Amino acid sequence: MKQTLPIALSIPDACHITGVQKDTIYRAINRGELRSLKIGRRRLIRMDSLKAWISDCEQATQREMGFSPTPNLAE
């Protein structure tokens, strides 16, 4: 059976999936690097925004290390 991922994640779920700490997620949101939305009292991150942020982080790391960029996986 094919398992589908949700369209949006809570902050704890985003942390679990990416392996980063909650502070890192909130810092990225506050810097405008990671898009999020609020529904009621809940802050959610769309899965496509999370994938784009991870891809941007990967590309920034590769530039810092002098590697050639890889294609954007979020597209």
PDB file of N, CA and C in Angstrom:
ATOM      1  N   MET A   1       0.835  -1.171   0.000  1.00  0.00           N
ATOM      2  CA  MET A   1       0.000   0.000   0.000  1.00  0.00           C
ATOM      3  C   MET A   1       0.884   1.241   0.000  1.00  0.00           C
ATOM      4  N   LYS A   2       0.573   2.183  -0.856  1.00  0.00           N
ATOM      5  CA  LYS A   2       1.345   3.413  -0.979  1.00  0.00           C
ATOM      6  C   LYS A   2       0.974   4.371   0.151  1.00  0.00           C
ATOM      7  N   GLN A   3       2.007   4.862   0.853  1.00  0.00           N
ATOM      8  CA  GLN A   3       1.772   5.815   1.934  1.00  0.00           C
ATOM      9  C   GLN A   3       1.985   7.223   1.403  1.00  0.00           C
ATOM     10  N   THR A   4       1.049   8.112   1.682  1.00  0.00           N
ATOM     11  CA  THR A   4       1.179   9.490   1.237  1.00  0.00           C
ATOM     12  C   THR A   4       1.558  10.382   2.407  1.00  0.00           C
ATOM     13  N   LEU A   5       2.329  11.410   2.112  1.00  0.00           N
ATOM     14  CA  LEU A   5       2.726  12.377   3.119  1.00  0.00           C
ATOM     15  C   LEU A   5       1.674  13.474   3.210  1.00  0.00           C
ATOM     16  N   PRO A   6       1.523  14.084   4.380  1.00  0.00           N
ATOM     17  CA  PRO A   6       0.563  15.180   4.514  1.00  0.00           C
ATOM     18  C   PRO A   6       1.015  16.392   3.719  1.00  0.00           C
ATOM     19  N   ILE A   7       0.075  17.264   3.390  1.00  0.00           N
ATOM     20  CA  ILE A   7       0.396  18.477   2.637  1.00  0.00           C
ATOM     21  C   ILE A   7       1.086  19.509   3.516  1.00  0.00           C
ATOM     22  N   ALA A   8       0.821  19.477   4.833  1.00  0.00           N
ATOM     23  CA  ALA A   8       1.450  20.407   5.769  1.00  0.00           C
ATOM     24  C   ALA A   8       1.794  19.673   7.061  1.00  0.00           C
ATOM     25  N   LEU A   9       2.839  20.176   7.718  1.00  0.00           N
ATOM     26  CA  LEU A   9       3.338  19.538   8.932  1.00  0.00           C
ATOM     27  C   LEU A   9       3.355  20.518  10.093  1.00  0.00           C
ATOM     28  N   SER A  10       3.174  20.004  11.291  1.00  0.00           N
ATOM     29  CA  SER A  10       3.379  20.808  12.489  1.00  0.00           C
ATOM     30  C   SER A  10       4.887  21.014  12.659  1.00  0.00           C
ATOM     31  N   ILE A  11       5.265  21.947  13.519  1.00  0.00           N
ATOM     32  CA  ILE A  11       6.688  22.176  13.780  1.00  0.00           C
ATOM     33  C   ILE A  11       7.359  20.900  14.315  1.00  0.00           C
ATOM     34  N   PRO A  12       6.783  20.219  15.315  1.00  0.00           N
ATOM     35  CA  PRO A  12       7.427  18.976  15.778  1.00  0.00           C
ATOM     36  C   PRO A  12       7.567  17.919  14.678  1.00  0.00           C
ATOM     37  N   ASP A  13       6.562  17.807  13.812  1.00  0.00           N
ATOM     38  CA  ASP A  13       6.657  16.831  12.716  1.00  0.00           C
ATOM     39  C   ASP A  13       7.746  17.228  11.727  1.00  0.00           C
ATOM     40  N   ALA A  14       7.864  18.520  11.429  1.00  0.00           N
ATOM     41  CA  ALA A  14       8.917  18.996  10.523  1.00  0.00           C
ATOM     42  C   ALA A  14      10.293  18.713  11.118  1.00  0.00           C
ATOM     43  N   CYS A  15      10.417  18.897  12.435  1.00  0.00           N
ATOM     44  CA  CYS A  15      11.680  18.588  13.116  1.00  0.00           C
ATOM     45  C   CYS A  15      12.002  17.103  13.002  1.00  0.00           C
ATOM     46  N   HIS A  16      11.003  16.273  13.214  1.00  0.00           N
ATOM     47  CA  HIS A  16      11.196  14.823  13.150  1.00  0.00           C
ATOM     48  C   HIS A  16      11.633  14.385  11.752  1.00  0.00           C
ATOM     49  N   ILE A  17      10.979  14.908  10.741  1.00  0.00           N
ATOM     50  CA  ILE A  17      11.281  14.512   9.361  1.00  0.00           C
ATOM     51  C   ILE A  17      12.671  14.973   8.936  1.00  0.00           C
ATOM     52  N   THR A  18      13.038  16.211   9.301  1.00  0.00           N
ATOM     53  CA  THR A  18      14.315  16.764   8.854  1.00  0.00           C
ATOM     54  C   THR A  18      15.479  16.420   9.768  1.00  0.00           C
ATOM     55  N   GLY A  19      15.171  16.123  11.031  1.00  0.00           N
ATOM     56  CA  GLY A  19      16.237  15.830  11.978  1.00  0.00           C
ATOM     57  C   GLY A  19      16.881  17.079  12.567  1.00  0.00           C
ATOM     58  N   VAL A  20      16.244  18.233  12.393  1.00  0.00           N
ATOM     59  CA  VAL A  20      16.785  19.467  12.968  1.00  0.00           C
ATOM     60  C   VAL A  20      15.970  19.859  14.199  1.00  0.00           C
ATOM     61  N   GLN A  21      16.558  20.709  15.028  1.00  0.00           N
ATOM     62  CA  GLN A  21      15.893  21.124  16.247  1.00  0.00           C
ATOM     63  C   GLN A  21      14.826  22.178  15.982  1.00  0.00           C
ATOM     64  N   LYS A  22      13.907  22.285  16.925  1.00  0.00           N
ATOM     65  CA  LYS A  22      12.808  23.243  16.817  1.00  0.00           C
ATOM     66  C   LYS A  22      13.329  24.675  16.651  1.00  0.00           C
ATOM     67  N   ASP A  23      14.397  25.020  17.373  1.00  0.00           N
ATOM     68  CA  ASP A  23      14.970  26.359  17.263  1.00  0.00           C
ATOM     69  C   ASP A  23      15.437  26.655  15.837  1.00  0.00           C
ATOM     70  N   THR A  24      15.979  25.658  15.173  1.00  0.00           N
ATOM     71  CA  THR A  24      16.445  25.833  13.790  1.00  0.00           C
ATOM     72  C   THR A  24      15.272  26.120  12.865  1.00  0.00           C
ATOM     73  N   ILE A  25      14.176  25.402  13.042  1.00  0.00           N
ATOM     74  CA  ILE A  25      12.981  25.629  12.223  1.00  0.00           C
ATOM     75  C   ILE A  25      12.442  27.036  12.463  1.00  0.00           C
ATOM     76  N   TYR A  26      12.281  27.423  13.731  1.00  0.00           N
ATOM     77  CA  TYR A  26      11.755  28.757  14.037  1.00  0.00           C
ATOM     78  C   TYR A  26      12.690  29.864  13.542  1.00  0.00           C
ATOM     79  N   ARG A  27      13.993  29.663  13.640  1.00  0.00           N
ATOM     80  CA  ARG A  27      14.952  30.655  13.147  1.00  0.00           C
ATOM     81  C   ARG A  27      14.804  30.830  11.631  1.00  0.00           C
ATOM     82  N   ALA A  28      14.656  29.722  10.911  1.00  0.00           N
ATOM     83  CA  ALA A  28      14.469  29.791   9.454  1.00  0.00           C
ATOM     84  C   ALA A  28      13.163  30.502   9.102  1.00  0.00           C
ATOM     85  N   ILE A  29      12.114  30.254   9.875  1.00  0.00           N
ATOM     86  CA  ILE A  29      10.837  30.938   9.645  1.00  0.00           C
ATOM     87  C   ILE A  29      10.994  32.435   9.889  1.00  0.00           C
ATOM     88  N   ASN A  30      11.616  32.802  11.002  1.00  0.00           N
ATOM     89  CA  ASN A  30      11.782  34.212  11.348  1.00  0.00           C
ATOM     90  C   ASN A  30      12.674  34.960  10.364  1.00  0.00           C
ATOM     91  N   ARG A  31      13.634  34.279   9.766  1.00  0.00           N
ATOM     92  CA  ARG A  31      14.508  34.890   8.761  1.00  0.00           C
ATOM     93  C   ARG A  31      13.863  34.957   7.385  1.00  0.00           C
ATOM     94  N   GLY A  32      12.716  34.326   7.221  1.00  0.00           N
ATOM     95  CA  GLY A  32      12.064  34.290   5.922  1.00  0.00           C
ATOM     96  C   GLY A  32      12.612  33.225   4.996  1.00  0.00           C
ATOM     97  N   GLU A  33      13.409  32.317   5.525  1.00  0.00           N
ATOM     98  CA  GLU A  33      13.994  31.248   4.720  1.00  0.00           C
ATOM     99  C   GLU A  33      13.040  30.079   4.533  1.00  0.00           C
ATOM    100  N   LEU A  34      12.127  29.909   5.485  1.00  0.00           N
ATOM    101  CA  LEU A  34      11.173  28.803   5.470  1.00  0.00           C
ATOM    102  C   LEU A  34       9.771  29.377   5.637  1.00  0.00           C
ATOM    103  N   ARG A  35       8.930  29.136   4.654  1.00  0.00           N
ATOM    104  CA  ARG A  35       7.564  29.660   4.698  1.00  0.00           C
ATOM    105  C   ARG A  35       6.694  28.795   5.603  1.00  0.00           C
ATOM    106  N   SER A  36       5.824  29.454   6.339  1.00  0.00           N
ATOM    107  CA  SER A  36       4.884  28.744   7.199  1.00  0.00           C
ATOM    108  C   SER A  36       3.550  29.480   7.170  1.00  0.00           C
ATOM    109  N   LEU A  37       2.540  28.842   7.751  1.00  0.00           N
ATOM    110  CA  LEU A  37       1.224  29.459   7.810  1.00  0.00           C
ATOM    111  C   LEU A  37       0.590  29.122   9.141  1.00  0.00           C
ATOM    112  N   LYS A  38      -0.375  29.917   9.523  1.00  0.00           N
ATOM    113  CA  LYS A  38      -1.109  29.655  10.753  1.00  0.00           C
ATOM    114  C   LYS A  38      -2.550  29.339  10.406  1.00  0.00           C
ATOM    115  N   ILE A  39      -3.043  28.296  11.006  1.00  0.00           N
ATOM    116  CA  ILE A  39      -4.455  27.943  10.912  1.00  0.00           C
ATOM    117  C   ILE A  39      -4.930  27.846  12.353  1.00  0.00           C
ATOM    118  N   GLY A  40      -5.760  28.784  12.733  1.00  0.00           N
ATOM    119  CA  GLY A  40      -6.141  28.869  14.132  1.00  0.00           C
ATOM    120  C   GLY A  40      -4.911  29.198  14.952  1.00  0.00           C
ATOM    121  N   ARG A  41      -4.637  28.389  15.938  1.00  0.00           N
ATOM    122  CA  ARG A  41      -3.467  28.599  16.790  1.00  0.00           C
ATOM    123  C   ARG A  41      -2.262  27.771  16.355  1.00  0.00           C
ATOM    124  N   ARG A  42      -2.435  26.970  15.327  1.00  0.00           N
ATOM    125  CA  ARG A  42      -1.358  26.069  14.885  1.00  0.00           C
ATOM    126  C   ARG A  42      -0.504  26.703  13.800  1.00  0.00           C
ATOM    127  N   ARG A  43       0.792  26.561  13.937  1.00  0.00           N
ATOM    128  CA  ARG A  43       1.739  26.965  12.899  1.00  0.00           C
ATOM    129  C   ARG A  43       2.077  25.720  12.107  1.00  0.00           C
ATOM    130  N   LEU A  44       1.902  25.793  10.799  1.00  0.00           N
ATOM    131  CA  LEU A  44       2.154  24.653   9.920  1.00  0.00           C
ATOM    132  C   LEU A  44       3.159  25.022   8.847  1.00  0.00           C
ATOM    133  N   ILE A  45       3.854  24.035   8.355  1.00  0.00           N
ATOM    134  CA  ILE A  45       4.804  24.200   7.257  1.00  0.00           C
ATOM    135  C   ILE A  45       4.347  23.290   6.130  1.00  0.00           C
ATOM    136  N   ARG A  46       4.128  23.881   4.968  1.00  0.00           N
ATOM    137  CA  ARG A  46       3.756  23.065   3.807  1.00  0.00           C
ATOM    138  C   ARG A  46       4.937  22.181   3.417  1.00  0.00           C
ATOM    139  N   MET A  47       4.638  20.968   3.020  1.00  0.00           N
ATOM    140  CA  MET A  47       5.680  20.009   2.656  1.00  0.00           C
ATOM    141  C   MET A  47       6.567  20.551   1.522  1.00  0.00           C
ATOM    142  N   ASP A  48       5.960  21.225   0.535  1.00  0.00           N
ATOM    143  CA  ASP A  48       6.763  21.762  -0.561  1.00  0.00           C
ATOM    144  C   ASP A  48       7.712  22.858  -0.070  1.00  0.00           C
ATOM    145  N   SER A  49       7.288  23.655   0.920  1.00  0.00           N
ATOM    146  CA  SER A  49       8.170  24.677   1.489  1.00  0.00           C
ATOM    147  C   SER A  49       9.324  24.030   2.244  1.00  0.00           C
ATOM    148  N   LEU A  50       9.046  22.958   2.956  1.00  0.00           N
ATOM    149  CA  LEU A  50      10.085  22.255   3.699  1.00  0.00           C
ATOM    150  C   LEU A  50      11.122  21.648   2.748  1.00  0.00           C
ATOM    151  N   LYS A  51      10.646  21.047   1.667  1.00  0.00           N
ATOM    152  CA  LYS A  51      11.562  20.468   0.681  1.00  0.00           C
ATOM    153  C   LYS A  51      12.414  21.552   0.024  1.00  0.00           C
ATOM    154  N   ALA A  52      11.812  22.695  -0.293  1.00  0.00           N
ATOM    155  CA  ALA A  52      12.555  23.800  -0.911  1.00  0.00           C
ATOM    156  C   ALA A  52      13.614  24.330   0.048  1.00  0.00           C
ATOM    157  N   TRP A  53      13.279  24.448   1.335  1.00  0.00           N
ATOM    158  CA  TRP A  53      14.229  24.935   2.333  1.00  0.00           C
ATOM    159  C   TRP A  53      15.411  23.989   2.469  1.00  0.00           C
ATOM    160  N   ILE A  54      15.136  22.692   2.518  1.00  0.00           N
ATOM    161  CA  ILE A  54      16.212  21.700   2.604  1.00  0.00           C
ATOM    162  C   ILE A  54      17.112  21.789   1.379  1.00  0.00           C
ATOM    163  N   SER A  55      16.514  21.933   0.211  1.00  0.00           N
ATOM    164  CA  SER A  55      17.290  22.053  -1.019  1.00  0.00           C
ATOM    165  C   SER A  55      18.150  23.321  -1.002  1.00  0.00           C
ATOM    166  N   ASP A  56      17.579  24.431  -0.541  1.00  0.00           N
ATOM    167  CA  ASP A  56      18.346  25.683  -0.432  1.00  0.00           C
ATOM    168  C   ASP A  56      19.517  25.528   0.534  1.00  0.00           C
ATOM    169  N   CYS A  57      19.288  24.855   1.653  1.00  0.00           N
ATOM    170  CA  CYS A  57      20.358  24.612   2.628  1.00  0.00           C
ATOM    171  C   CYS A  57      21.459  23.750   2.018  1.00  0.00           C
ATOM    172  N   GLU A  58      21.060  22.753   1.258  1.00  0.00           N
ATOM    173  CA  GLU A  58      22.037  21.878   0.609  1.00  0.00           C
ATOM    174  C   GLU A  58      22.887  22.663  -0.382  1.00  0.00           C
ATOM    175  N   GLN A  59      22.246  23.501  -1.186  1.00  0.00           N
ATOM    176  CA  GLN A  59      22.982  24.296  -2.171  1.00  0.00           C
ATOM    177  C   GLN A  59      23.922  25.286  -1.500  1.00  0.00           C
ATOM    178  N   ALA A  60      23.480  25.910  -0.396  1.00  0.00           N
ATOM    179  CA  ALA A  60      24.335  26.847   0.329  1.00  0.00           C
ATOM    180  C   ALA A  60      25.550  26.121   0.906  1.00  0.00           C
ATOM    181  N   THR A  61      25.351  24.925   1.415  1.00  0.00           N
ATOM    182  CA  THR A  61      26.451  24.141   1.966  1.00  0.00           C
ATOM    183  C   THR A  61      27.449  23.781   0.875  1.00  0.00           C
ATOM    184  N   GLN A  62      26.942  23.388  -0.276  1.00  0.00           N
ATOM    185  CA  GLN A  62      27.824  23.020  -1.384  1.00  0.00           C
ATOM    186  C   GLN A  62      28.630  24.225  -1.871  1.00  0.00           C
ATOM    187  N   ARG A  63      27.991  25.404  -1.921  1.00  0.00           N
ATOM    188  CA  ARG A  63      28.722  26.615  -2.323  1.00  0.00           C
ATOM    189  C   ARG A  63      29.834  26.917  -1.319  1.00  0.00           C
ATOM    190  N   GLU A  64      29.528  26.796  -0.033  1.00  0.00           N
ATOM    191  CA  GLU A  64      30.519  27.064   1.009  1.00  0.00           C
ATOM    192  C   GLU A  64      31.697  26.108   0.914  1.00  0.00           C
ATOM    193  N   MET A  65      31.422  24.876   0.504  1.00  0.00           N
ATOM    194  CA  MET A  65      32.470  23.862   0.426  1.00  0.00           C
ATOM    195  C   MET A  65      33.144  23.833  -0.942  1.00  0.00           C
ATOM    196  N   GLY A  66      32.665  24.642  -1.875  1.00  0.00           N
ATOM    197  CA  GLY A  66      33.281  24.727  -3.191  1.00  0.00           C
ATOM    198  C   GLY A  66      32.826  23.667  -4.174  1.00  0.00           C
ATOM    199  N   PHE A  67      31.715  22.983  -3.888  1.00  0.00           N
ATOM    200  CA  PHE A  67      31.192  21.982  -4.813  1.00  0.00           C
ATOM    201  C   PHE A  67      30.298  22.644  -5.851  1.00  0.00           C
ATOM    202  N   SER A  68      30.142  21.960  -6.982  1.00  0.00           N
ATOM    203  CA  SER A  68      29.217  22.480  -7.987  1.00  0.00           C
ATOM    204  C   SER A  68      27.786  22.215  -7.521  1.00  0.00           C
ATOM    205  N   PRO A  69      26.855  23.113  -7.846  1.00  0.00           N
ATOM    206  CA  PRO A  69      25.472  22.951  -7.381  1.00  0.00           C
ATOM    207  C   PRO A  69      24.785  21.740  -8.002  1.00  0.00           C
ATOM    208  N   THR A  70      23.852  21.166  -7.246  1.00  0.00           N
ATOM    209  CA  THR A  70      23.042  20.055  -7.751  1.00  0.00           C
ATOM    210  C   THR A  70      21.689  20.617  -8.174  1.00  0.00           C
ATOM    211  N   PRO A  71      20.953  19.898  -8.999  1.00  0.00           N
ATOM    212  CA  PRO A  71      19.632  20.379  -9.414  1.00  0.00           C
ATOM    213  C   PRO A  71      18.711  20.543  -8.211  1.00  0.00           C
ATOM    214  N   ASN A  72      17.780  21.481  -8.295  1.00  0.00           N
ATOM    215  CA  ASN A  72      16.817  21.734  -7.225  1.00  0.00           C
ATOM    216  C   ASN A  72      15.823  20.587  -7.174  1.00  0.00           C
ATOM    217  N   LEU A  73      15.798  19.854  -6.061  1.00  0.00           N
ATOM    218  CA  LEU A  73      14.919  18.679  -5.916  1.00  0.00           C
ATOM    219  C   LEU A  73      13.484  19.054  -5.606  1.00  0.00           C
ATOM    220  N   ALA A  74      13.253  20.307  -5.206  1.00  0.00           N
ATOM    221  CA  ALA A  74      11.901  20.729  -4.821  1.00  0.00           C
ATOM    222  C   ALA A  74      11.035  21.016  -6.039  1.00  0.00           C
ATOM    223  N   GLU A  75      11.621  21.102  -7.193  1.00  0.00           N
ATOM    224  CA  GLU A  75      10.851  21.440  -8.401  1.00  0.00           C
ATOM    225  C   GLU A  75      10.183  20.226  -8.977  1.00  0.00           C
TER     226      GLU A  75
END
